[in-house]
Amino acid sequence: MIEGMEMTYLIDSYLRFDSFLKWQLWVGFIASLVWALSVPIVHKLQGLHWTTAYISLYLIFIRVSGLILPFFKGAKIRNLYLVTILLNVIYAASLLLYFYDVHLFLWAEVVLGIAYSVVGPLMGIGWDVWVVKQYPATTFEDFRYWESFRCSLGGVIGSGLVALITTLTSLDQTVWVFMGAMVFMLVIQQLNWTKHYQHLNETT
């Protein structure tokens, strides 16, 4: 009974969101699903081609990126969203390196991973601050629950798709599927940029 009431409240809270918040949930869901496709692929390739020392070095680079965040305090979320799109374009293009030299692709993934580890948290912090200013606290709270829900659902579906695809096709074909998904995500993010972020008011 309680679980049913919680689900009803969750659905009602979604219906109360305005167009902007609904768009962010759906765009975020697509992004979560698409990036879930990449994680098993990258980990598989790292396990095949890298030593434990290289993988540890990669993880150190990713963790060190957090030390850089304070230097970008106050960055506008409009600019950060545009940088995210540009990084996604570069990542999609870097997938072609997989078919040329897997090692080059893995090192390109390291560089891009560091950039994402800086831009992603900055975007999250700036976005939370902006939403708190624009919406009531209850709306922000409800949105964060939905955000968690959409990320988990996207991750589950994305990882499940990788498991299914790899049982039916080769790794090369799986990478092509991921590339196609990246292009689709970029189209959606570009629409989101044009519709919501291009002229976002960050002065209030």
N, C-alpha and C. Protein backbone atom coordinates (compact mmCIF):
# COMPACT_ATOMS: atom_id res chain seq x y z
N MET A 1 0.83 -1.20 0.00
CA MET A 1 0.00 0.00 0.00
C MET A 1 0.87 1.25 0.00
N ILE A 2 1.89 1.25 0.88
CA ILE A 2 2.78 2.41 0.98
C ILE A 2 3.56 2.58 -0.31
N GLU A 3 4.03 1.44 -0.88
CA GLU A 3 4.79 1.51 -2.12
C GLU A 3 3.92 2.08 -3.24
N GLY A 4 2.65 1.71 -3.27
CA GLY A 4 1.73 2.23 -4.28
C GLY A 4 1.53 3.73 -4.14
N MET A 5 1.43 4.20 -2.90
CA MET A 5 1.28 5.63 -2.64
C MET A 5 2.53 6.40 -3.07
N GLU A 6 3.71 5.80 -2.81
CA GLU A 6 4.96 6.45 -3.19
C GLU A 6 5.07 6.55 -4.71
N MET A 7 4.67 5.49 -5.42
CA MET A 7 4.72 5.52 -6.87
C MET A 7 3.74 6.55 -7.43
N THR A 8 2.55 6.63 -6.83
CA THR A 8 1.57 7.62 -7.26
C THR A 8 2.10 9.02 -7.07
N TYR A 9 2.75 9.26 -5.92
CA TYR A 9 3.33 10.58 -5.67
C TYR A 9 4.44 10.88 -6.67
N LEU A 10 5.25 9.87 -7.01
CA LEU A 10 6.33 10.06 -7.95
C LEU A 10 5.79 10.46 -9.32
N ILE A 11 4.74 9.78 -9.74
CA ILE A 11 4.13 10.10 -11.04
C ILE A 11 3.51 11.49 -11.01
N ASP A 12 2.80 11.81 -9.92
CA ASP A 12 2.18 13.13 -9.80
C ASP A 12 3.23 14.24 -9.82
N SER A 13 4.35 13.98 -9.16
CA SER A 13 5.41 15.00 -9.13
C SER A 13 5.97 15.23 -10.53
N TYR A 14 6.08 14.16 -11.32
CA TYR A 14 6.56 14.31 -12.70
C TYR A 14 5.59 15.17 -13.50
N LEU A 15 4.31 14.92 -13.35
CA LEU A 15 3.31 15.67 -14.09
C LEU A 15 3.31 17.15 -13.72
N ARG A 16 3.76 17.47 -12.51
CA ARG A 16 3.81 18.87 -12.07
C ARG A 16 5.05 19.60 -12.59
N PHE A 17 6.04 18.86 -13.08
CA PHE A 17 7.23 19.51 -13.61
C PHE A 17 6.88 20.31 -14.86
N ASP A 18 7.60 21.41 -15.07
CA ASP A 18 7.39 22.18 -16.30
C ASP A 18 8.15 21.51 -17.45
N SER A 19 8.03 22.09 -18.64
CA SER A 19 8.63 21.51 -19.84
C SER A 19 10.14 21.38 -19.71
N PHE A 20 10.78 22.37 -19.11
CA PHE A 20 12.23 22.35 -18.97
C PHE A 20 12.69 21.14 -18.16
N LEU A 21 12.10 20.93 -17.00
CA LEU A 21 12.51 19.82 -16.14
C LEU A 21 12.22 18.47 -16.79
N LYS A 22 11.07 18.36 -17.46
CA LYS A 22 10.75 17.11 -18.14
C LYS A 22 11.76 16.81 -19.24
N TRP A 23 12.14 17.84 -19.98
CA TRP A 23 13.14 17.66 -21.03
C TRP A 23 14.45 17.17 -20.44
N GLN A 24 14.87 17.74 -19.30
CA GLN A 24 16.15 17.34 -18.71
C GLN A 24 16.12 15.88 -18.26
N LEU A 25 14.96 15.44 -17.78
CA LEU A 25 14.85 14.04 -17.37
C LEU A 25 14.99 13.10 -18.56
N TRP A 26 14.30 13.41 -19.66
CA TRP A 26 14.34 12.53 -20.82
C TRP A 26 15.70 12.57 -21.51
N VAL A 27 16.28 13.76 -21.63
CA VAL A 27 17.61 13.86 -22.22
C VAL A 27 18.63 13.13 -21.35
N GLY A 28 18.50 13.29 -20.03
CA GLY A 28 19.39 12.60 -19.10
C GLY A 28 19.22 11.09 -19.16
N PHE A 29 17.98 10.63 -19.36
CA PHE A 29 17.73 9.19 -19.48
C PHE A 29 18.43 8.62 -20.72
N ILE A 30 18.32 9.33 -21.83
CA ILE A 30 18.98 8.88 -23.06
C ILE A 30 20.49 8.84 -22.88
N ALA A 31 21.03 9.89 -22.22
CA ALA A 31 22.48 9.94 -21.98
C ALA A 31 22.91 8.79 -21.08
N SER A 32 22.14 8.51 -20.03
CA SER A 32 22.48 7.41 -19.11
C SER A 32 22.48 6.08 -19.85
N LEU A 33 21.50 5.90 -20.71
CA LEU A 33 21.40 4.65 -21.48
C LEU A 33 22.59 4.51 -22.43
N VAL A 34 22.90 5.59 -23.15
CA VAL A 34 23.98 5.53 -24.14
C VAL A 34 25.33 5.30 -23.47
N TRP A 35 25.61 6.02 -22.38
CA TRP A 35 26.90 5.86 -21.71
C TRP A 35 27.02 4.49 -21.05
N ALA A 36 25.87 3.89 -20.68
CA ALA A 36 25.92 2.53 -20.13
C ALA A 36 26.38 1.53 -21.17
N LEU A 37 26.19 1.87 -22.45
CA LEU A 37 26.69 1.00 -23.52
C LEU A 37 28.21 1.00 -23.57
N SER A 38 28.81 2.14 -23.24
CA SER A 38 30.27 2.28 -23.39
C SER A 38 31.05 1.60 -22.28
N VAL A 39 30.50 1.60 -21.06
CA VAL A 39 31.27 1.13 -19.90
C VAL A 39 31.76 -0.31 -20.07
N PRO A 40 30.89 -1.26 -20.42
CA PRO A 40 31.39 -2.64 -20.61
C PRO A 40 32.40 -2.75 -21.75
N ILE A 41 32.20 -1.96 -22.81
CA ILE A 41 33.12 -2.01 -23.94
C ILE A 41 34.51 -1.55 -23.53
N VAL A 42 34.57 -0.38 -22.86
CA VAL A 42 35.86 0.18 -22.45
C VAL A 42 36.55 -0.73 -21.44
N HIS A 43 35.79 -1.24 -20.47
CA HIS A 43 36.38 -2.12 -19.46
C HIS A 43 36.90 -3.41 -20.10
N LYS A 44 36.17 -3.92 -21.06
CA LYS A 44 36.61 -5.13 -21.78
C LYS A 44 37.93 -4.87 -22.50
N LEU A 45 38.02 -3.75 -23.19
CA LEU A 45 39.23 -3.43 -23.94
C LEU A 45 40.40 -3.15 -23.00
N GLN A 46 40.14 -2.47 -21.88
CA GLN A 46 41.20 -2.24 -20.91
C GLN A 46 41.74 -3.57 -20.36
N GLY A 47 40.83 -4.49 -20.08
CA GLY A 47 41.24 -5.78 -19.55
C GLY A 47 42.06 -6.57 -20.55
N LEU A 48 41.76 -6.41 -21.86
CA LEU A 48 42.47 -7.14 -22.90
C LEU A 48 43.83 -6.55 -23.22
N HIS A 49 43.93 -5.22 -23.17
CA HIS A 49 45.11 -4.55 -23.71
C HIS A 49 45.97 -3.82 -22.68
N TRP A 50 45.46 -3.64 -21.48
CA TRP A 50 46.20 -2.89 -20.47
C TRP A 50 46.60 -3.77 -19.30
N THR A 51 47.71 -3.42 -18.68
CA THR A 51 48.11 -4.07 -17.44
C THR A 51 47.36 -3.43 -16.28
N THR A 52 47.45 -4.05 -15.12
CA THR A 52 46.82 -3.49 -13.92
C THR A 52 47.40 -2.12 -13.59
N ALA A 53 48.69 -1.93 -13.85
CA ALA A 53 49.34 -0.64 -13.57
C ALA A 53 48.74 0.46 -14.45
N TYR A 54 48.50 0.16 -15.73
CA TYR A 54 47.90 1.15 -16.62
C TYR A 54 46.48 1.51 -16.18
N ILE A 55 45.72 0.50 -15.79
CA ILE A 55 44.36 0.75 -15.34
C ILE A 55 44.37 1.58 -14.06
N SER A 56 45.30 1.30 -13.17
CA SER A 56 45.43 2.08 -11.94
C SER A 56 45.79 3.53 -12.25
N LEU A 57 46.68 3.72 -13.22
CA LEU A 57 47.07 5.07 -13.63
C LEU A 57 45.87 5.83 -14.19
N TYR A 58 45.07 5.14 -14.98
CA TYR A 58 43.84 5.72 -15.53
C TYR A 58 42.92 6.19 -14.41
N LEU A 59 42.74 5.35 -13.40
CA LEU A 59 41.87 5.70 -12.28
C LEU A 59 42.43 6.87 -11.48
N ILE A 60 43.75 6.94 -11.37
CA ILE A 60 44.38 8.07 -10.68
C ILE A 60 44.09 9.37 -11.43
N PHE A 61 44.24 9.33 -12.75
CA PHE A 61 43.95 10.52 -13.55
C PHE A 61 42.52 11.00 -13.35
N ILE A 62 41.58 10.06 -13.33
CA ILE A 62 40.17 10.41 -13.17
C ILE A 62 39.93 11.04 -11.79
N ARG A 63 40.55 10.47 -10.75
CA ARG A 63 40.37 11.00 -9.40
C ARG A 63 41.02 12.37 -9.23
N VAL A 64 42.18 12.57 -9.84
CA VAL A 64 42.88 13.85 -9.72
C VAL A 64 42.07 14.99 -10.32
N SER A 65 41.23 14.68 -11.29
CA SER A 65 40.43 15.73 -11.93
C SER A 65 39.58 16.49 -10.92
N GLY A 66 39.18 15.83 -9.84
CA GLY A 66 38.38 16.50 -8.82
C GLY A 66 39.11 17.62 -8.13
N LEU A 67 40.45 17.58 -8.13
CA LEU A 67 41.24 18.63 -7.52
C LEU A 67 41.22 19.91 -8.36
N ILE A 68 40.79 19.78 -9.61
CA ILE A 68 40.77 20.93 -10.53
C ILE A 68 39.47 21.72 -10.41
N LEU A 69 38.41 21.08 -9.93
CA LEU A 69 37.09 21.69 -9.93
C LEU A 69 37.04 23.09 -9.32
N PRO A 70 37.67 23.34 -8.15
CA PRO A 70 37.55 24.68 -7.54
C PRO A 70 38.04 25.82 -8.43
N PHE A 71 38.93 25.53 -9.36
CA PHE A 71 39.46 26.58 -10.24
C PHE A 71 38.44 27.06 -11.26
N PHE A 72 37.36 26.30 -11.43
CA PHE A 72 36.32 26.66 -12.39
C PHE A 72 35.02 27.07 -11.70
N LYS A 73 35.10 27.41 -10.43
CA LYS A 73 33.92 27.80 -9.67
C LYS A 73 33.23 28.99 -10.35
N GLY A 74 31.91 28.91 -10.46
CA GLY A 74 31.15 29.99 -11.07
C GLY A 74 30.96 29.86 -12.56
N ALA A 75 31.45 28.77 -13.17
CA ALA A 75 31.26 28.58 -14.61
C ALA A 75 29.77 28.48 -14.92
N LYS A 76 29.35 29.11 -16.00
CA LYS A 76 27.94 29.14 -16.36
C LYS A 76 27.51 27.77 -16.91
N ILE A 77 26.33 27.32 -16.48
CA ILE A 77 25.87 26.00 -16.92
C ILE A 77 25.56 26.00 -18.42
N ARG A 78 25.19 27.15 -18.97
CA ARG A 78 24.98 27.22 -20.41
C ARG A 78 26.27 26.86 -21.16
N ASN A 79 27.38 27.42 -20.71
CA ASN A 79 28.67 27.13 -21.34
C ASN A 79 29.11 25.69 -21.09
N LEU A 80 28.86 25.20 -19.87
CA LEU A 80 29.24 23.83 -19.53
C LEU A 80 28.45 22.82 -20.36
N TYR A 81 27.16 23.12 -20.61
CA TYR A 81 26.35 22.21 -21.41
C TYR A 81 26.88 22.17 -22.84
N LEU A 82 27.28 23.33 -23.36
CA LEU A 82 27.83 23.38 -24.72
C LEU A 82 29.14 22.61 -24.78
N VAL A 83 29.99 22.74 -23.76
CA VAL A 83 31.25 21.99 -23.71
C VAL A 83 30.97 20.49 -23.66
N THR A 84 29.93 20.10 -22.91
CA THR A 84 29.56 18.68 -22.84
C THR A 84 29.19 18.14 -24.21
N ILE A 85 28.43 18.91 -24.97
CA ILE A 85 28.06 18.49 -26.32
C ILE A 85 29.30 18.35 -27.19
N LEU A 86 30.21 19.31 -27.10
CA LEU A 86 31.44 19.27 -27.89
C LEU A 86 32.29 18.05 -27.53
N LEU A 87 32.38 17.75 -26.23
CA LEU A 87 33.12 16.56 -25.80
C LEU A 87 32.47 15.29 -26.34
N ASN A 88 31.14 15.27 -26.37
CA ASN A 88 30.44 14.11 -26.90
C ASN A 88 30.70 13.93 -28.40
N VAL A 89 30.80 15.06 -29.12
CA VAL A 89 31.12 14.99 -30.54
C VAL A 89 32.52 14.38 -30.73
N ILE A 90 33.48 14.86 -29.93
CA ILE A 90 34.85 14.35 -30.02
C ILE A 90 34.89 12.87 -29.64
N TYR A 91 34.13 12.48 -28.60
CA TYR A 91 34.12 11.08 -28.19
C TYR A 91 33.55 10.20 -29.30
N ALA A 92 32.46 10.66 -29.91
CA ALA A 92 31.87 9.88 -31.01
C ALA A 92 32.88 9.71 -32.14
N ALA A 93 33.61 10.78 -32.45
CA ALA A 93 34.62 10.70 -33.51
C ALA A 93 35.77 9.79 -33.09
N SER A 94 36.13 9.81 -31.80
CA SER A 94 37.26 9.00 -31.33
C SER A 94 36.97 7.51 -31.44
N LEU A 95 35.70 7.13 -31.52
CA LEU A 95 35.36 5.72 -31.64
C LEU A 95 35.91 5.13 -32.94
N LEU A 96 36.14 5.99 -33.94
CA LEU A 96 36.73 5.51 -35.19
C LEU A 96 38.15 5.00 -34.95
N LEU A 97 38.81 5.54 -33.91
CA LEU A 97 40.16 5.07 -33.59
C LEU A 97 40.17 3.60 -33.19
N TYR A 98 39.04 3.13 -32.66
CA TYR A 98 38.96 1.72 -32.26
C TYR A 98 39.25 0.81 -33.44
N PHE A 99 38.77 1.19 -34.62
CA PHE A 99 38.95 0.35 -35.80
C PHE A 99 40.34 0.54 -36.42
N TYR A 100 41.06 1.58 -35.98
CA TYR A 100 42.41 1.83 -36.49
C TYR A 100 43.47 1.30 -35.53
N ASP A 101 43.37 1.68 -34.26
CA ASP A 101 44.33 1.26 -33.24
C ASP A 101 43.64 1.32 -31.88
N VAL A 102 43.38 0.17 -31.29
CA VAL A 102 42.65 0.11 -30.02
C VAL A 102 43.38 0.89 -28.92
N HIS A 103 44.71 0.83 -28.93
CA HIS A 103 45.49 1.51 -27.90
C HIS A 103 45.30 3.03 -27.99
N LEU A 104 45.28 3.56 -29.20
CA LEU A 104 45.03 4.99 -29.38
C LEU A 104 43.65 5.36 -28.86
N PHE A 105 42.67 4.52 -29.16
CA PHE A 105 41.31 4.79 -28.67
C PHE A 105 41.27 4.82 -27.15
N LEU A 106 41.94 3.87 -26.51
CA LEU A 106 41.92 3.80 -25.05
C LEU A 106 42.59 5.03 -24.42
N TRP A 107 43.67 5.52 -25.02
CA TRP A 107 44.31 6.71 -24.48
C TRP A 107 43.49 7.97 -24.77
N ALA A 108 42.81 8.00 -25.92
CA ALA A 108 41.90 9.11 -26.19
C ALA A 108 40.76 9.10 -25.17
N GLU A 109 40.33 7.90 -24.80
CA GLU A 109 39.27 7.76 -23.79
C GLU A 109 39.75 8.27 -22.43
N VAL A 110 41.04 8.09 -22.14
CA VAL A 110 41.59 8.61 -20.89
C VAL A 110 41.49 10.13 -20.85
N VAL A 111 41.95 10.78 -21.93
CA VAL A 111 41.93 12.24 -22.00
C VAL A 111 40.50 12.76 -21.89
N LEU A 112 39.60 12.15 -22.65
CA LEU A 112 38.20 12.57 -22.61
C LEU A 112 37.58 12.27 -21.25
N GLY A 113 37.96 11.15 -20.65
CA GLY A 113 37.44 10.80 -19.32
C GLY A 113 37.81 11.84 -18.28
N ILE A 114 39.04 12.35 -18.35
CA ILE A 114 39.46 13.40 -17.43
C ILE A 114 38.63 14.66 -17.64
N ALA A 115 38.43 15.02 -18.91
CA ALA A 115 37.63 16.21 -19.22
C ALA A 115 36.20 16.06 -18.71
N TYR A 116 35.60 14.88 -18.93
CA TYR A 116 34.25 14.64 -18.42
C TYR A 116 34.20 14.71 -16.89
N SER A 117 35.28 14.25 -16.25
CA SER A 117 35.32 14.23 -14.79
C SER A 117 35.41 15.64 -14.20
N VAL A 118 35.79 16.60 -15.02
CA VAL A 118 35.80 18.00 -14.59
C VAL A 118 34.48 18.68 -14.95
N VAL A 119 34.08 18.55 -16.21
CA VAL A 119 32.89 19.24 -16.70
C VAL A 119 31.62 18.69 -16.06
N GLY A 120 31.53 17.36 -15.90
CA GLY A 120 30.33 16.74 -15.35
C GLY A 120 29.96 17.25 -13.96
N PRO A 121 30.88 17.15 -12.98
CA PRO A 121 30.57 17.66 -11.64
C PRO A 121 30.30 19.17 -11.62
N LEU A 122 31.05 19.94 -12.43
CA LEU A 122 30.79 21.39 -12.50
C LEU A 122 29.38 21.66 -12.98
N MET A 123 28.96 20.91 -14.01
CA MET A 123 27.60 21.04 -14.52
C MET A 123 26.59 20.68 -13.45
N GLY A 124 26.85 19.61 -12.71
CA GLY A 124 25.94 19.17 -11.67
C GLY A 124 25.80 20.19 -10.55
N ILE A 125 26.93 20.76 -10.12
CA ILE A 125 26.90 21.75 -9.04
C ILE A 125 26.17 23.01 -9.50
N GLY A 126 26.57 23.52 -10.67
CA GLY A 126 25.94 24.74 -11.19
C GLY A 126 24.46 24.57 -11.45
N TRP A 127 24.11 23.39 -11.96
CA TRP A 127 22.71 23.13 -12.28
C TRP A 127 21.87 23.07 -11.01
N ASP A 128 22.38 22.40 -9.97
CA ASP A 128 21.65 22.33 -8.70
C ASP A 128 21.43 23.72 -8.11
N VAL A 129 22.47 24.54 -8.14
CA VAL A 129 22.36 25.90 -7.60
C VAL A 129 21.31 26.69 -8.38
N TRP A 130 21.32 26.57 -9.69
CA TRP A 130 20.36 27.31 -10.53
C TRP A 130 18.93 26.85 -10.28
N VAL A 131 18.73 25.53 -10.20
CA VAL A 131 17.38 25.00 -10.00
C VAL A 131 16.83 25.40 -8.64
N VAL A 132 17.68 25.38 -7.61
CA VAL A 132 17.25 25.79 -6.27
C VAL A 132 16.76 27.23 -6.28
N LYS A 133 17.38 28.08 -7.09
CA LYS A 133 16.97 29.48 -7.18
C LYS A 133 15.66 29.64 -7.95
N GLN A 134 15.44 28.75 -8.92
CA GLN A 134 14.30 28.91 -9.82
C GLN A 134 13.03 28.20 -9.35
N TYR A 135 13.18 27.15 -8.55
CA TYR A 135 12.03 26.31 -8.19
C TYR A 135 11.93 26.15 -6.68
N PRO A 136 10.73 25.79 -6.20
CA PRO A 136 10.57 25.52 -4.76
C PRO A 136 11.41 24.32 -4.34
N ALA A 137 11.71 24.24 -3.06
CA ALA A 137 12.55 23.16 -2.54
C ALA A 137 11.92 21.79 -2.80
N THR A 138 10.58 21.70 -2.70
CA THR A 138 9.92 20.42 -2.93
C THR A 138 10.08 19.95 -4.38
N THR A 139 10.06 20.90 -5.32
CA THR A 139 10.26 20.56 -6.73
C THR A 139 11.67 20.04 -6.96
N PHE A 140 12.64 20.72 -6.34
CA PHE A 140 14.03 20.27 -6.46
C PHE A 140 14.20 18.87 -5.88
N GLU A 141 13.59 18.63 -4.71
CA GLU A 141 13.69 17.32 -4.08
C GLU A 141 13.07 16.23 -4.97
N ASP A 142 11.87 16.51 -5.49
CA ASP A 142 11.20 15.54 -6.36
C ASP A 142 12.03 15.27 -7.61
N PHE A 143 12.62 16.32 -8.15
CA PHE A 143 13.42 16.15 -9.36
C PHE A 143 14.63 15.27 -9.10
N ARG A 144 15.26 15.44 -7.93
CA ARG A 144 16.43 14.62 -7.62
C ARG A 144 16.06 13.15 -7.50
N TYR A 145 14.86 12.84 -6.96
CA TYR A 145 14.42 11.45 -6.92
C TYR A 145 14.22 10.91 -8.34
N TRP A 146 13.61 11.72 -9.19
CA TRP A 146 13.42 11.31 -10.58
C TRP A 146 14.75 11.16 -11.30
N GLU A 147 15.70 12.04 -10.99
CA GLU A 147 17.02 11.97 -11.59
C GLU A 147 17.71 10.66 -11.25
N SER A 148 17.61 10.27 -9.99
CA SER A 148 18.18 8.99 -9.56
C SER A 148 17.49 7.83 -10.27
N PHE A 149 16.17 7.91 -10.39
CA PHE A 149 15.37 6.88 -11.05
C PHE A 149 15.78 6.73 -12.52
N ARG A 150 15.90 7.88 -13.21
CA ARG A 150 16.21 7.84 -14.64
C ARG A 150 17.62 7.32 -14.89
N CYS A 151 18.58 7.67 -14.03
CA CYS A 151 19.96 7.19 -14.20
C CYS A 151 20.05 5.69 -14.00
N SER A 152 19.34 5.19 -12.98
CA SER A 152 19.35 3.75 -12.72
C SER A 152 18.68 2.99 -13.86
N LEU A 153 17.52 3.49 -14.30
CA LEU A 153 16.80 2.82 -15.38
C LEU A 153 17.62 2.82 -16.67
N GLY A 154 18.23 3.97 -17.01
CA GLY A 154 19.06 4.05 -18.20
C GLY A 154 20.25 3.10 -18.12
N GLY A 155 20.87 3.02 -16.93
CA GLY A 155 22.01 2.13 -16.76
C GLY A 155 21.64 0.67 -16.90
N VAL A 156 20.50 0.29 -16.31
CA VAL A 156 20.05 -1.10 -16.39
C VAL A 156 19.73 -1.48 -17.83
N ILE A 157 18.98 -0.63 -18.53
CA ILE A 157 18.61 -0.93 -19.91
C ILE A 157 19.83 -0.94 -20.82
N GLY A 158 20.73 0.06 -20.63
CA GLY A 158 21.93 0.13 -21.46
C GLY A 158 22.83 -1.07 -21.27
N SER A 159 23.08 -1.46 -20.03
CA SER A 159 23.93 -2.63 -19.76
C SER A 159 23.28 -3.91 -20.28
N GLY A 160 21.95 -3.98 -20.14
CA GLY A 160 21.24 -5.14 -20.67
C GLY A 160 21.34 -5.24 -22.18
N LEU A 161 21.28 -4.08 -22.86
CA LEU A 161 21.41 -4.07 -24.31
C LEU A 161 22.79 -4.54 -24.75
N VAL A 162 23.82 -4.12 -24.01
CA VAL A 162 25.18 -4.57 -24.34
C VAL A 162 25.28 -6.08 -24.19
N ALA A 163 24.73 -6.60 -23.10
CA ALA A 163 24.76 -8.05 -22.88
C ALA A 163 24.07 -8.78 -24.03
N LEU A 164 22.93 -8.25 -24.46
CA LEU A 164 22.17 -8.88 -25.55
C LEU A 164 22.91 -8.77 -26.87
N ILE A 165 23.40 -7.56 -27.17
CA ILE A 165 24.06 -7.32 -28.45
C ILE A 165 25.32 -8.16 -28.59
N THR A 166 26.12 -8.24 -27.52
CA THR A 166 27.39 -8.97 -27.61
C THR A 166 27.19 -10.48 -27.73
N THR A 167 26.03 -10.98 -27.29
CA THR A 167 25.76 -12.41 -27.47
C THR A 167 25.34 -12.72 -28.91
N LEU A 168 24.88 -11.70 -29.62
CA LEU A 168 24.39 -11.90 -30.98
C LEU A 168 25.37 -11.42 -32.05
N THR A 169 26.27 -10.48 -31.67
CA THR A 169 27.18 -9.91 -32.65
C THR A 169 28.60 -9.89 -32.09
N SER A 170 29.52 -9.37 -32.89
CA SER A 170 30.92 -9.23 -32.47
C SER A 170 31.09 -7.91 -31.73
N LEU A 171 32.26 -7.73 -31.09
CA LEU A 171 32.55 -6.49 -30.39
C LEU A 171 32.60 -5.32 -31.37
N ASP A 172 33.12 -5.56 -32.56
CA ASP A 172 33.17 -4.50 -33.57
C ASP A 172 31.77 -3.98 -33.89
N GLN A 173 30.84 -4.89 -34.05
CA GLN A 173 29.46 -4.49 -34.35
C GLN A 173 28.83 -3.77 -33.16
N THR A 174 29.20 -4.17 -31.95
CA THR A 174 28.69 -3.50 -30.76
C THR A 174 29.18 -2.06 -30.72
N VAL A 175 30.43 -1.84 -31.11
CA VAL A 175 30.97 -0.48 -31.15
C VAL A 175 30.22 0.37 -32.18
N TRP A 176 29.87 -0.22 -33.31
CA TRP A 176 29.08 0.51 -34.30
C TRP A 176 27.71 0.90 -33.74
N VAL A 177 27.11 0.00 -32.99
CA VAL A 177 25.82 0.31 -32.35
C VAL A 177 25.99 1.48 -31.38
N PHE A 178 27.07 1.44 -30.61
CA PHE A 178 27.34 2.52 -29.67
C PHE A 178 27.54 3.84 -30.40
N MET A 179 28.22 3.82 -31.53
CA MET A 179 28.42 5.04 -32.32
C MET A 179 27.09 5.60 -32.80
N GLY A 180 26.21 4.71 -33.26
CA GLY A 180 24.89 5.16 -33.69
C GLY A 180 24.10 5.77 -32.55
N ALA A 181 24.20 5.15 -31.36
CA ALA A 181 23.51 5.67 -30.19
C ALA A 181 24.07 7.03 -29.79
N MET A 182 25.40 7.21 -29.93
CA MET A 182 26.03 8.49 -29.62
C MET A 182 25.49 9.60 -30.54
N VAL A 183 25.36 9.29 -31.81
CA VAL A 183 24.85 10.28 -32.77
C VAL A 183 23.42 10.67 -32.40
N PHE A 184 22.59 9.68 -32.06
CA PHE A 184 21.21 9.96 -31.66
C PHE A 184 21.19 10.85 -30.42
N MET A 185 22.05 10.54 -29.43
CA MET A 185 22.12 11.35 -28.22
C MET A 185 22.53 12.78 -28.54
N LEU A 186 23.47 12.94 -29.45
CA LEU A 186 23.93 14.28 -29.82
C LEU A 186 22.81 15.09 -30.46
N VAL A 187 21.99 14.46 -31.26
CA VAL A 187 20.84 15.15 -31.87
C VAL A 187 19.89 15.65 -30.78
N ILE A 188 19.59 14.79 -29.81
CA ILE A 188 18.70 15.16 -28.73
C ILE A 188 19.30 16.28 -27.87
N GLN A 189 20.60 16.17 -27.58
CA GLN A 189 21.25 17.21 -26.78
C GLN A 189 21.31 18.54 -27.52
N GLN A 190 21.48 18.49 -28.83
CA GLN A 190 21.47 19.72 -29.62
C GLN A 190 20.10 20.38 -29.57
N LEU A 191 19.04 19.58 -29.66
CA LEU A 191 17.69 20.12 -29.55
C LEU A 191 17.47 20.74 -28.16
N ASN A 192 17.97 20.07 -27.15
CA ASN A 192 17.84 20.58 -25.78
C ASN A 192 18.59 21.90 -25.62
N TRP A 193 19.78 21.97 -26.23
CA TRP A 193 20.56 23.20 -26.19
C TRP A 193 19.79 24.35 -26.85
N THR A 194 19.25 24.09 -28.05
CA THR A 194 18.53 25.13 -28.78
C THR A 194 17.27 25.56 -28.06
N LYS A 195 16.57 24.59 -27.48
CA LYS A 195 15.28 24.87 -26.85
C LYS A 195 15.41 25.49 -25.46
N HIS A 196 16.41 25.07 -24.68
CA HIS A 196 16.46 25.45 -23.27
C HIS A 196 17.73 26.16 -22.80
N TYR A 197 18.88 25.79 -23.35
CA TYR A 197 20.13 26.29 -22.78
C TYR A 197 20.75 27.48 -23.50
N GLN A 198 20.47 27.61 -24.77
CA GLN A 198 21.12 28.65 -25.58
C GLN A 198 20.88 30.05 -25.01
N HIS A 199 19.68 30.29 -24.55
CA HIS A 199 19.33 31.61 -24.01
C HIS A 199 18.95 31.51 -22.54
N LEU A 200 19.55 30.58 -21.83
CA LEU A 200 19.24 30.38 -20.41
C LEU A 200 19.62 31.61 -19.60
N ASN A 201 18.69 32.07 -18.76
CA ASN A 201 18.95 33.21 -17.88
C ASN A 201 19.58 32.74 -16.59
N GLU A 202 20.85 33.08 -16.38
CA GLU A 202 21.56 32.66 -15.18
C GLU A 202 21.88 33.84 -14.25
N THR A 203 21.16 34.93 -14.43
CA THR A 203 21.44 36.12 -13.61
C THR A 203 20.57 36.22 -12.38
N THR A 204 19.49 35.38 -12.31
CA THR A 204 18.59 35.48 -11.16
C THR A 204 18.95 34.45 -10.12
